[in-house]
Amino acid sequence: MNEIKCMIVDDEPIARDILVNHIANTSGLILVKSCINAIEAYEGLYEYAVSLIFLDIQMPVIAGTDFLRSLRNPPLVIFTTAYQDYAVESFELNSVDYLLKPITYERFHQAVEKARERLDATFAGRSHPAPTNGFDYLFVKQGSRLTRVNHNDIHYIEAEKDFSAIFLQEKKLLAGMHLKMFEDLLPGSLFMRVHRSYIVNLSRVTAINVNMAELGKTAIPIGGNYKADLLRRLGIGG
């Protein structure tokens, strides 16, 4: 039996405790992180190769459904909620199952078996469709604050140790998120990593000068492993 690395995302302590116990009593499930909000969940996805998320829907700031939509390559999701009103939306997002609280172990086990079947199908070469991300913004973590940033307002992002600097038209935001997290969250059609320390908004590139990408008056270094793909993405060359 393949091990399934899973994560809990729920702002209710009792609900998290119940899921922790259910996971501990289920062979093949490995809990890698228990989160109280979507920001901790973003960090968990950066740290671990998560295959399954037990995701609450009603959470502060970022709802579970919005969190799922924001992911370009989401793991499988089992929604956990106290409300029946979101059932249709959850299945439109291709969730594995929809569990109503309080969650019994029998119902939990049924949902996990559905997840195993999907994962087995994926390993066999049949993939499940990813939810469509219709958002044109993301929330970035600044201490205890979450700041909304529109994709089109971002010129480039620079790695700064355990932080990332987001450069907008007239200001800079320092976010407590790794560059890899932004690479996973931002739409690949608009953004590209051009260096181990930089992600650029392709629509802001005004010139290529040898191994530098110019964004107006700002010059960004282009890593050797990224240049050919960058030129192709910009429609330069054959």
C-alpha atoms as a PDB file:
ATOM      1  CA  MET A   1       0.000   0.000   0.000  1.00  0.00           C
ATOM      2  CA  ASN A   2       1.410   3.396  -1.040  1.00  0.00           C
ATOM      3  CA  GLU A   3       1.724   5.960   1.732  1.00  0.00           C
ATOM      4  CA  ILE A   4      -0.379   9.108   1.288  1.00  0.00           C
ATOM      5  CA  LYS A   5       1.109  12.296   2.690  1.00  0.00           C
ATOM      6  CA  CYS A   6      -1.754  14.460   3.862  1.00  0.00           C
ATOM      7  CA  MET A   7      -2.396  17.850   5.426  1.00  0.00           C
ATOM      8  CA  ILE A   8      -5.218  19.289   7.536  1.00  0.00           C
ATOM      9  CA  VAL A   9      -6.411  22.862   6.994  1.00  0.00           C
ATOM     10  CA  ASP A  10      -9.057  23.903   9.533  1.00  0.00           C
ATOM     11  CA  ASP A  11      -9.349  26.844  11.924  1.00  0.00           C
ATOM     12  CA  GLU A  12     -11.336  24.825  14.518  1.00  0.00           C
ATOM     13  CA  PRO A  13      -9.113  23.048  17.114  1.00  0.00           C
ATOM     14  CA  ILE A  14     -11.657  20.300  17.883  1.00  0.00           C
ATOM     15  CA  ALA A  15     -12.163  19.530  14.198  1.00  0.00           C
ATOM     16  CA  ARG A  16      -8.381  19.303  13.711  1.00  0.00           C
ATOM     17  CA  ASP A  17      -8.046  16.954  16.693  1.00  0.00           C
ATOM     18  CA  ILE A  18     -10.723  14.628  15.314  1.00  0.00           C
ATOM     19  CA  LEU A  19      -8.972  14.466  11.940  1.00  0.00           C
ATOM     20  CA  VAL A  20      -5.591  13.903  13.569  1.00  0.00           C
ATOM     21  CA  ASN A  21      -7.016  10.888  15.430  1.00  0.00           C
ATOM     22  CA  HIS A  22      -8.723   9.519  12.312  1.00  0.00           C
ATOM     23  CA  ILE A  23      -5.500   9.829  10.322  1.00  0.00           C
ATOM     24  CA  ALA A  24      -3.471   8.155  13.088  1.00  0.00           C
ATOM     25  CA  ASN A  25      -5.895   5.211  13.002  1.00  0.00           C
ATOM     26  CA  THR A  26      -5.723   4.786   9.235  1.00  0.00           C
ATOM     27  CA  SER A  27      -3.001   2.676   7.692  1.00  0.00           C
ATOM     28  CA  GLY A  28      -1.080   4.375   4.896  1.00  0.00           C
ATOM     29  CA  LEU A  29      -1.923   7.975   5.852  1.00  0.00           C
ATOM     30  CA  ILE A  30       0.970  10.191   6.934  1.00  0.00           C
ATOM     31  CA  LEU A  31       0.077  13.578   8.434  1.00  0.00           C
ATOM     32  CA  VAL A  32       2.817  16.051   7.498  1.00  0.00           C
ATOM     33  CA  LYS A  33       1.207  19.287   8.714  1.00  0.00           C
ATOM     34  CA  SER A  34      -1.892  20.547  10.533  1.00  0.00           C
ATOM     35  CA  CYS A  35      -2.763  24.147   9.589  1.00  0.00           C
ATOM     36  CA  ILE A  36      -5.155  26.716  11.000  1.00  0.00           C
ATOM     37  CA  ASN A  37      -5.469  28.814   7.808  1.00  0.00           C
ATOM     38  CA  ALA A  38      -4.647  28.981   4.114  1.00  0.00           C
ATOM     39  CA  ILE A  39      -1.353  30.811   4.613  1.00  0.00           C
ATOM     40  CA  GLU A  40       0.013  27.974   6.739  1.00  0.00           C
ATOM     41  CA  ALA A  41      -1.291  25.606   4.073  1.00  0.00           C
ATOM     42  CA  TYR A  42       0.654  27.429   1.324  1.00  0.00           C
ATOM     43  CA  GLU A  43       3.773  26.987   3.449  1.00  0.00           C
ATOM     44  CA  GLY A  44       2.985  23.308   3.964  1.00  0.00           C
ATOM     45  CA  LEU A  45       2.685  22.730   0.227  1.00  0.00           C
ATOM     46  CA  TYR A  46       6.079  24.369  -0.212  1.00  0.00           C
ATOM     47  CA  GLU A  47       7.680  22.195   2.485  1.00  0.00           C
ATOM     48  CA  TYR A  48       6.121  18.817   1.692  1.00  0.00           C
ATOM     49  CA  ALA A  49       4.981  16.712  -1.255  1.00  0.00           C
ATOM     50  CA  VAL A  50       1.331  16.590  -0.166  1.00  0.00           C
ATOM     51  CA  SER A  51      -1.029  14.226  -1.998  1.00  0.00           C
ATOM     52  CA  LEU A  52      -4.227  14.871  -0.026  1.00  0.00           C
ATOM     53  CA  ILE A  53      -5.684  17.811   1.902  1.00  0.00           C
ATOM     54  CA  PHE A  54      -8.536  17.678   4.410  1.00  0.00           C
ATOM     55  CA  LEU A  55      -9.804  21.194   3.810  1.00  0.00           C
ATOM     56  CA  ASP A  56     -12.346  23.213   5.778  1.00  0.00           C
ATOM     57  CA  ILE A  57     -14.457  25.600   3.702  1.00  0.00           C
ATOM     58  CA  GLN A  58     -15.384  28.444   6.048  1.00  0.00           C
ATOM     59  CA  MET A  59     -12.124  29.928   7.333  1.00  0.00           C
ATOM     60  CA  PRO A  60     -11.043  33.512   8.088  1.00  0.00           C
ATOM     61  CA  VAL A  61      -9.648  35.679   5.257  1.00  0.00           C
ATOM     62  CA  ILE A  62      -9.330  32.927   2.622  1.00  0.00           C
ATOM     63  CA  ALA A  63     -12.100  30.348   2.293  1.00  0.00           C
ATOM     64  CA  GLY A  64     -11.185  26.760   1.561  1.00  0.00           C
ATOM     65  CA  THR A  65     -12.786  26.895  -1.892  1.00  0.00           C
ATOM     66  CA  ASP A  66     -10.845  30.070  -2.762  1.00  0.00           C
ATOM     67  CA  PHE A  67      -7.629  28.487  -1.498  1.00  0.00           C
ATOM     68  CA  LEU A  68      -8.174  25.480  -3.752  1.00  0.00           C
ATOM     69  CA  ARG A  69      -8.882  27.675  -6.772  1.00  0.00           C
ATOM     70  CA  SER A  70      -5.638  29.565  -6.170  1.00  0.00           C
ATOM     71  CA  LEU A  71      -3.480  26.440  -6.634  1.00  0.00           C
ATOM     72  CA  ARG A  72      -2.085  25.752 -10.088  1.00  0.00           C
ATOM     73  CA  ASN A  73      -1.367  22.081  -9.367  1.00  0.00           C
ATOM     74  CA  PRO A  74      -3.536  21.137  -6.385  1.00  0.00           C
ATOM     75  CA  PRO A  75      -3.347  17.862  -4.470  1.00  0.00           C
ATOM     76  CA  LEU A  76      -6.517  15.834  -4.014  1.00  0.00           C
ATOM     77  CA  VAL A  77      -8.954  17.514  -1.613  1.00  0.00           C
ATOM     78  CA  ILE A  78     -11.564  16.188   0.796  1.00  0.00           C
ATOM     79  CA  PHE A  79     -13.692  19.063   2.046  1.00  0.00           C
ATOM     80  CA  THR A  80     -14.627  19.081   5.732  1.00  0.00           C
ATOM     81  CA  THR A  81     -17.388  21.449   6.775  1.00  0.00           C
ATOM     82  CA  ALA A  82     -20.324  22.005   9.106  1.00  0.00           C
ATOM     83  CA  TYR A  83     -22.487  23.301   6.247  1.00  0.00           C
ATOM     84  CA  GLN A  84     -24.327  21.457   3.477  1.00  0.00           C
ATOM     85  CA  ASP A  85     -24.637  24.525   1.234  1.00  0.00           C
ATOM     86  CA  TYR A  86     -21.261  24.068  -0.462  1.00  0.00           C
ATOM     87  CA  ALA A  87     -21.723  20.528  -1.754  1.00  0.00           C
ATOM     88  CA  VAL A  88     -22.339  21.503  -5.383  1.00  0.00           C
ATOM     89  CA  GLU A  89     -19.424  23.949  -5.448  1.00  0.00           C
ATOM     90  CA  SER A  90     -17.091  21.394  -3.884  1.00  0.00           C
ATOM     91  CA  PHE A  91     -17.777  18.823  -6.577  1.00  0.00           C
ATOM     92  CA  GLU A  92     -17.451  21.463  -9.294  1.00  0.00           C
ATOM     93  CA  LEU A  93     -13.921  21.876  -7.914  1.00  0.00           C
ATOM     94  CA  ASN A  94     -13.359  18.148  -8.419  1.00  0.00           C
ATOM     95  CA  SER A  95     -13.030  17.353  -4.724  1.00  0.00           C
ATOM     96  CA  VAL A  96     -12.783  13.706  -3.732  1.00  0.00           C
ATOM     97  CA  ASP A  97     -15.536  13.950  -1.126  1.00  0.00           C
ATOM     98  CA  TYR A  98     -17.505  16.297   1.098  1.00  0.00           C
ATOM     99  CA  LEU A  99     -17.595  15.414   4.821  1.00  0.00           C
ATOM    100  CA  LEU A 100     -20.027  17.016   7.232  1.00  0.00           C
ATOM    101  CA  LYS A 101     -18.865  17.680  10.798  1.00  0.00           C
ATOM    102  CA  PRO A 102     -18.747  15.997  13.224  1.00  0.00           C
ATOM    103  CA  ILE A 103     -16.922  13.487  11.022  1.00  0.00           C
ATOM    104  CA  THR A 104     -17.292   9.842  11.983  1.00  0.00           C
ATOM    105  CA  TYR A 105     -14.437   7.455  11.335  1.00  0.00           C
ATOM    106  CA  GLU A 106     -16.608   5.300   9.046  1.00  0.00           C
ATOM    107  CA  ARG A 107     -17.395   8.282   6.794  1.00  0.00           C
ATOM    108  CA  PHE A 108     -13.782   9.446   6.944  1.00  0.00           C
ATOM    109  CA  HIS A 109     -12.557   6.004   5.861  1.00  0.00           C
ATOM    110  CA  GLN A 110     -14.935   5.950   2.891  1.00  0.00           C
ATOM    111  CA  ALA A 111     -13.564   9.285   1.678  1.00  0.00           C
ATOM    112  CA  VAL A 112      -9.966   8.136   2.076  1.00  0.00           C
ATOM    113  CA  GLU A 113     -10.661   5.031   0.002  1.00  0.00           C
ATOM    114  CA  LYS A 114     -12.013   7.251  -2.775  1.00  0.00           C
ATOM    115  CA  ALA A 115      -8.800   9.252  -2.614  1.00  0.00           C
ATOM    116  CA  ARG A 116      -6.736   6.048  -2.843  1.00  0.00           C
ATOM    117  CA  GLU A 117      -8.619   5.057  -5.991  1.00  0.00           C
ATOM    118  CA  ARG A 118      -7.904   8.415  -7.627  1.00  0.00           C
ATOM    119  CA  LEU A 119      -4.243   8.280  -6.681  1.00  0.00           C
ATOM    120  CA  ASP A 120      -3.945   4.732  -7.995  1.00  0.00           C
ATOM    121  CA  ALA A 121      -5.473   5.896 -11.281  1.00  0.00           C
ATOM    122  CA  THR A 122      -2.983   8.768 -11.434  1.00  0.00           C
ATOM    123  CA  PHE A 123      -0.036   6.452 -10.806  1.00  0.00           C
ATOM    124  CA  ALA A 124      -1.359   4.229 -13.588  1.00  0.00           C
ATOM    125  CA  GLY A 125      -1.142   7.145 -16.002  1.00  0.00           C
ATOM    126  CA  ARG A 126      -4.659   8.551 -15.789  1.00  0.00           C
ATOM    127  CA  SER A 127      -4.696  12.020 -14.285  1.00  0.00           C
ATOM    128  CA  HIS A 128      -7.586  13.863 -12.663  1.00  0.00           C
ATOM    129  CA  PRO A 129      -8.422  17.332 -14.039  1.00  0.00           C
ATOM    130  CA  ALA A 130      -7.213  20.285 -11.995  1.00  0.00           C
ATOM    131  CA  PRO A 131      -9.649  22.969 -10.883  1.00  0.00           C
ATOM    132  CA  THR A 132      -9.652  26.117 -12.979  1.00  0.00           C
ATOM    133  CA  ASN A 133      -8.026  29.097 -11.279  1.00  0.00           C
ATOM    134  CA  GLY A 134     -10.173  32.101 -12.133  1.00  0.00           C
ATOM    135  CA  PHE A 135      -8.413  34.528  -9.785  1.00  0.00           C
ATOM    136  CA  ASP A 136      -6.281  37.445 -10.981  1.00  0.00           C
ATOM    137  CA  TYR A 137      -4.806  38.166  -7.549  1.00  0.00           C
ATOM    138  CA  LEU A 138      -3.225  36.461  -4.570  1.00  0.00           C
ATOM    139  CA  PHE A 139      -2.823  37.191  -0.874  1.00  0.00           C
ATOM    140  CA  VAL A 140       0.717  37.537   0.447  1.00  0.00           C
ATOM    141  CA  LYS A 141       1.824  37.066   4.040  1.00  0.00           C
ATOM    142  CA  GLN A 142       3.338  40.076   5.822  1.00  0.00           C
ATOM    143  CA  GLY A 143       3.752  39.106   9.454  1.00  0.00           C
ATOM    144  CA  SER A 144       0.232  38.514  10.769  1.00  0.00           C
ATOM    145  CA  ARG A 145      -1.282  40.477   7.884  1.00  0.00           C
ATOM    146  CA  LEU A 146      -2.496  39.165   4.526  1.00  0.00           C
ATOM    147  CA  THR A 147      -2.224  41.702   1.690  1.00  0.00           C
ATOM    148  CA  ARG A 148      -4.054  41.319  -1.593  1.00  0.00           C
ATOM    149  CA  VAL A 149      -1.889  41.854  -4.672  1.00  0.00           C
ATOM    150  CA  ASN A 150      -3.227  41.875  -8.226  1.00  0.00           C
ATOM    151  CA  HIS A 151      -1.180  39.799 -10.670  1.00  0.00           C
ATOM    152  CA  ASN A 152      -0.946  42.608 -13.210  1.00  0.00           C
ATOM    153  CA  ASP A 153       0.490  44.992 -10.598  1.00  0.00           C
ATOM    154  CA  ILE A 154       3.542  42.776 -10.040  1.00  0.00           C
ATOM    155  CA  HIS A 155       6.628  43.691 -12.076  1.00  0.00           C
ATOM    156  CA  TYR A 156       9.004  41.144 -10.583  1.00  0.00           C
ATOM    157  CA  ILE A 157       9.740  39.227  -7.390  1.00  0.00           C
ATOM    158  CA  GLU A 158      13.179  38.810  -5.837  1.00  0.00           C
ATOM    159  CA  ALA A 159      14.228  36.199  -3.275  1.00  0.00           C
ATOM    160  CA  GLU A 160      15.630  37.646  -0.035  1.00  0.00           C
ATOM    161  CA  LYS A 161      16.682  34.730   2.203  1.00  0.00           C
ATOM    162  CA  ASP A 162      13.474  33.447   3.862  1.00  0.00           C
ATOM    163  CA  PHE A 163      11.442  36.301   2.360  1.00  0.00           C
ATOM    164  CA  SER A 164      10.514  37.574  -1.088  1.00  0.00           C
ATOM    165  CA  ALA A 165      10.430  41.179  -2.248  1.00  0.00           C
ATOM    166  CA  ILE A 166       7.492  41.978  -4.533  1.00  0.00           C
ATOM    167  CA  PHE A 167       8.147  44.978  -6.765  1.00  0.00           C
ATOM    168  CA  LEU A 168       5.034  46.836  -7.874  1.00  0.00           C
ATOM    169  CA  GLN A 169       4.686  50.032  -9.909  1.00  0.00           C
ATOM    170  CA  GLU A 170       5.496  52.431  -7.090  1.00  0.00           C
ATOM    171  CA  LYS A 171       6.264  50.308  -4.046  1.00  0.00           C
ATOM    172  CA  LYS A 172       7.904  47.188  -2.705  1.00  0.00           C
ATOM    173  CA  LEU A 173       6.313  44.589  -0.437  1.00  0.00           C
ATOM    174  CA  LEU A 174       8.338  42.210   1.700  1.00  0.00           C
ATOM    175  CA  ALA A 175       6.465  38.907   1.993  1.00  0.00           C
ATOM    176  CA  GLY A 176       7.136  36.025   4.371  1.00  0.00           C
ATOM    177  CA  MET A 177       6.922  33.497   1.530  1.00  0.00           C
ATOM    178  CA  HIS A 178       9.617  31.674  -0.429  1.00  0.00           C
ATOM    179  CA  LEU A 179      10.092  32.346  -4.142  1.00  0.00           C
ATOM    180  CA  LYS A 180       9.099  28.748  -4.948  1.00  0.00           C
ATOM    181  CA  MET A 181       5.698  29.406  -3.388  1.00  0.00           C
ATOM    182  CA  PHE A 182       5.114  32.327  -5.742  1.00  0.00           C
ATOM    183  CA  GLU A 183       6.239  30.194  -8.661  1.00  0.00           C
ATOM    184  CA  ASP A 184       3.532  27.662  -7.747  1.00  0.00           C
ATOM    185  CA  LEU A 185       0.797  30.237  -7.087  1.00  0.00           C
ATOM    186  CA  LEU A 186       1.223  32.689  -9.968  1.00  0.00           C
ATOM    187  CA  PRO A 187      -0.180  31.871 -13.432  1.00  0.00           C
ATOM    188  CA  GLY A 188       2.498  30.394 -15.679  1.00  0.00           C
ATOM    189  CA  SER A 189       0.982  32.175 -18.672  1.00  0.00           C
ATOM    190  CA  LEU A 190       2.024  35.533 -17.211  1.00  0.00           C
ATOM    191  CA  PHE A 191       4.991  34.865 -14.923  1.00  0.00           C
ATOM    192  CA  MET A 192       8.267  33.027 -15.329  1.00  0.00           C
ATOM    193  CA  ARG A 193      11.281  32.291 -13.169  1.00  0.00           C
ATOM    194  CA  VAL A 194      14.300  33.660 -15.065  1.00  0.00           C
ATOM    195  CA  HIS A 195      16.942  33.180 -12.359  1.00  0.00           C
ATOM    196  CA  ARG A 196      17.166  31.257  -9.095  1.00  0.00           C
ATOM    197  CA  SER A 197      16.434  34.558  -7.329  1.00  0.00           C
ATOM    198  CA  TYR A 198      13.931  36.214  -9.684  1.00  0.00           C
ATOM    199  CA  ILE A 199      10.448  35.776 -11.143  1.00  0.00           C
ATOM    200  CA  VAL A 200       9.326  38.311 -13.743  1.00  0.00           C
ATOM    201  CA  ASN A 201       6.013  39.392 -15.197  1.00  0.00           C
ATOM    202  CA  LEU A 202       6.553  38.602 -18.891  1.00  0.00           C
ATOM    203  CA  SER A 203       4.293  41.456 -19.953  1.00  0.00           C
ATOM    204  CA  ARG A 204       6.686  43.898 -18.245  1.00  0.00           C
ATOM    205  CA  VAL A 205       9.806  42.790 -20.161  1.00  0.00           C
ATOM    206  CA  THR A 206      10.772  45.633 -22.504  1.00  0.00           C
ATOM    207  CA  ALA A 207      14.144  44.356 -23.764  1.00  0.00           C
ATOM    208  CA  ILE A 208      16.679  41.529 -23.572  1.00  0.00           C
ATOM    209  CA  ASN A 209      20.300  42.667 -23.315  1.00  0.00           C
ATOM    210  CA  VAL A 210      22.662  39.674 -23.472  1.00  0.00           C
ATOM    211  CA  ASN A 211      21.958  37.951 -20.122  1.00  0.00           C
ATOM    212  CA  MET A 212      19.758  40.641 -18.659  1.00  0.00           C
ATOM    213  CA  ALA A 213      15.990  41.151 -18.929  1.00  0.00           C
ATOM    214  CA  GLU A 214      15.045  44.811 -18.882  1.00  0.00           C
ATOM    215  CA  LEU A 215      11.786  45.839 -17.251  1.00  0.00           C
ATOM    216  CA  GLY A 216      11.810  49.525 -18.061  1.00  0.00           C
ATOM    217  CA  LYS A 217      14.794  50.933 -16.193  1.00  0.00           C
ATOM    218  CA  THR A 218      15.295  47.786 -14.098  1.00  0.00           C
ATOM    219  CA  ALA A 219      17.682  45.055 -15.255  1.00  0.00           C
ATOM    220  CA  ILE A 220      17.086  41.484 -14.039  1.00  0.00           C
ATOM    221  CA  PRO A 221      19.755  38.768 -14.516  1.00  0.00           C
ATOM    222  CA  ILE A 222      18.796  35.765 -16.635  1.00  0.00           C
ATOM    223  CA  GLY A 223      20.110  32.403 -15.450  1.00  0.00           C
ATOM    224  CA  GLY A 224      21.738  30.189 -18.050  1.00  0.00           C
ATOM    225  CA  ASN A 225      19.194  27.414 -17.518  1.00  0.00           C
ATOM    226  CA  TYR A 226      16.283  29.781 -18.116  1.00  0.00           C
ATOM    227  CA  LYS A 227      17.358  31.872 -21.113  1.00  0.00           C
ATOM    228  CA  ALA A 228      16.261  29.594 -23.961  1.00  0.00           C
ATOM    229  CA  ASP A 229      12.820  29.116 -22.440  1.00  0.00           C
ATOM    230  CA  LEU A 230      12.475  32.858 -21.762  1.00  0.00           C
ATOM    231  CA  LEU A 231      13.305  33.725 -25.373  1.00  0.00           C
ATOM    232  CA  ARG A 232      10.810  31.141 -26.566  1.00  0.00           C
ATOM    233  CA  ARG A 233       8.111  32.497 -24.233  1.00  0.00           C
ATOM    234  CA  LEU A 234       8.754  36.024 -25.537  1.00  0.00           C
ATOM    235  CA  GLY A 235       8.602  34.857 -29.169  1.00  0.00           C
ATOM    236  CA  ILE A 236      12.253  35.660 -29.845  1.00  0.00           C
ATOM    237  CA  GLY A 237      14.262  33.473 -32.227  1.00  0.00           C
ATOM    238  CA  GLY A 238      13.290  30.237 -33.963  1.00  0.00           C
END
